[in-house]
Amino acid sequence: MISQDVVNIILGILLGLVSFFGSWWMKATASSIKELQGSDQSLVKKVSEVEILVVGNYAKKSDVDRVGEIIMKRLDKLENLEVVLASHYVTKEEFHKSIDTLFAKLDRIEEKLDKKADKS
């Protein structure tokens, strides 16, 4: 059988190996955590810069309201112009009446020319 001293030596070697690999694994994990924390901080910084850029590219409410007022004033001017222009036009009925009168006079002139041509 194996003596107690040999068992103690094997157990000591195993414990030493477990301790060595355990501490190596913990060191690697701690180094990975530090690396991840560093990249996390750089990402937080980049995200905050993006937030500043995005917020900086939007128009302020006061600017939008001011532009809206300008647009509404111009639309009001266009409506007023439309009313003024509409008052200078004739209705369809007036136009047809004028055209009918004009054709009636042209017909009379044509009849007179025909009578004059017949006399000659």
Protein backbone atom coordinates (compact mmCIF):
# COMPACT_ATOMS: atom_id res chain seq x y z
CA MET A 1 0.00 0.00 0.00
CA ILE A 2 0.91 3.56 -0.36
CA SER A 3 2.40 5.17 2.70
CA GLN A 4 0.94 8.23 4.37
CA ASP A 5 3.93 10.35 3.36
CA VAL A 6 3.43 9.60 -0.34
CA VAL A 7 -0.29 10.43 -0.04
CA ASN A 8 0.58 13.72 1.68
CA ILE A 9 3.06 14.58 -1.06
CA ILE A 10 0.59 13.76 -3.83
CA LEU A 11 -2.11 15.70 -2.01
CA GLY A 12 0.26 18.64 -1.57
CA ILE A 13 1.19 18.58 -5.25
CA LEU A 14 -2.48 18.40 -6.26
CA LEU A 15 -3.36 21.26 -3.91
CA GLY A 16 -0.44 23.26 -5.28
CA LEU A 17 -1.56 22.64 -8.85
CA VAL A 18 -5.17 23.52 -8.02
CA SER A 19 -4.00 26.69 -6.26
CA PHE A 20 -1.71 27.61 -9.17
CA PHE A 21 -4.35 27.12 -11.85
CA GLY A 22 -7.04 28.71 -9.66
CA SER A 23 -4.97 31.81 -9.09
CA TRP A 24 -4.01 31.93 -12.80
CA TRP A 25 -7.69 31.68 -13.76
CA MET A 26 -8.66 34.40 -11.23
CA LYS A 27 -5.90 36.68 -12.56
CA ALA A 28 -7.06 36.12 -16.15
CA THR A 29 -10.65 36.81 -15.13
CA ALA A 30 -9.66 39.97 -13.24
CA SER A 31 -7.64 41.19 -16.22
CA SER A 32 -10.61 40.50 -18.55
CA ILE A 33 -12.93 42.39 -16.20
CA LYS A 34 -10.57 45.40 -16.18
CA GLU A 35 -10.37 45.33 -19.96
CA LEU A 36 -14.15 45.15 -20.27
CA GLN A 37 -14.56 48.03 -17.80
CA GLY A 38 -12.19 50.13 -19.88
CA SER A 39 -14.07 49.41 -23.10
CA ASP A 40 -17.34 50.03 -21.27
CA GLN A 41 -16.15 53.47 -20.20
CA SER A 42 -15.10 54.31 -23.78
CA LEU A 43 -18.51 53.17 -25.04
CA VAL A 44 -20.27 55.32 -22.44
CA LYS A 45 -18.23 58.28 -23.60
CA LYS A 46 -19.09 57.62 -27.26
CA VAL A 47 -22.80 57.23 -26.47
CA SER A 48 -22.84 60.53 -24.60
CA GLU A 49 -21.13 62.20 -27.58
CA VAL A 50 -23.76 60.73 -29.89
CA GLU A 51 -26.49 62.04 -27.59
CA ILE A 52 -24.98 65.51 -27.76
CA LEU A 53 -24.77 65.33 -31.56
CA VAL A 54 -28.35 64.11 -31.91
CA VAL A 55 -29.73 66.70 -29.54
CA GLY A 56 -27.69 69.40 -31.26
CA ASN A 57 -29.21 68.61 -34.68
CA TYR A 58 -32.83 69.15 -33.68
CA ALA A 59 -34.58 72.48 -34.00
CA LYS A 60 -35.74 74.22 -30.86
CA LYS A 61 -39.46 74.56 -30.28
CA SER A 62 -39.21 78.35 -30.38
CA ASP A 63 -37.56 78.18 -33.83
CA VAL A 64 -40.25 75.85 -35.14
CA ASP A 65 -42.99 78.11 -33.75
CA ARG A 66 -41.38 81.18 -35.34
CA VAL A 67 -41.12 79.48 -38.75
CA GLY A 68 -44.70 78.26 -38.39
CA GLU A 69 -45.88 81.82 -37.79
CA ILE A 70 -44.00 83.06 -40.87
CA ILE A 71 -45.57 80.32 -43.00
CA MET A 72 -49.05 81.11 -41.69
CA LYS A 73 -48.59 84.84 -42.48
CA ARG A 74 -47.54 84.00 -46.03
CA LEU A 75 -50.51 81.67 -46.45
CA ASP A 76 -52.81 84.45 -45.25
CA LYS A 77 -51.27 86.78 -47.86
CA LEU A 78 -51.89 84.15 -50.55
CA GLU A 79 -55.52 83.82 -49.49
CA ASN A 80 -55.94 87.58 -49.67
CA LEU A 81 -54.31 87.62 -53.12
CA GLU A 82 -56.63 84.85 -54.25
CA VAL A 83 -59.67 86.87 -53.20
CA VAL A 84 -58.36 89.97 -54.98
CA LEU A 85 -57.61 88.04 -58.17
CA ALA A 86 -60.97 86.29 -58.10
CA SER A 87 -62.74 89.66 -58.04
CA HIS A 88 -61.09 90.59 -61.39
CA TYR A 89 -62.47 87.56 -63.23
CA VAL A 90 -65.91 87.04 -64.71
CA THR A 91 -68.21 84.15 -64.00
CA LYS A 92 -68.92 81.46 -66.61
CA GLU A 93 -72.41 82.78 -67.16
CA GLU A 94 -71.14 86.30 -67.83
CA PHE A 95 -68.51 84.94 -70.20
CA HIS A 96 -71.04 82.85 -72.16
CA LYS A 97 -73.41 85.80 -72.36
CA SER A 98 -70.64 88.03 -73.74
CA ILE A 99 -69.58 85.39 -76.28
CA ASP A 100 -73.19 84.92 -77.41
CA THR A 101 -73.58 88.68 -77.86
CA LEU A 102 -70.33 88.83 -79.84
CA PHE A 103 -71.40 85.97 -82.13
CA ALA A 104 -74.79 87.63 -82.65
CA LYS A 105 -73.06 90.82 -83.81
CA LEU A 106 -70.70 88.84 -86.04
CA ASP A 107 -73.73 87.08 -87.57
CA ARG A 108 -75.32 90.48 -88.30
CA ILE A 109 -72.11 91.72 -89.92
CA GLU A 110 -71.93 88.55 -92.02
CA GLU A 111 -75.56 88.99 -93.15
CA LYS A 112 -74.88 92.61 -94.12
CA LEU A 113 -71.81 91.55 -96.12
CA ASP A 114 -73.83 88.83 -97.84
CA LYS A 115 -76.59 91.37 -98.77
CA LYS A 116 -73.96 93.79 -100.09
CA ALA A 117 -72.35 91.02 -102.13
CA ASP A 118 -75.75 90.03 -103.56
CA LYS A 119 -76.45 93.63 -104.69
CA SER A 120 -73.23 93.87 -106.60
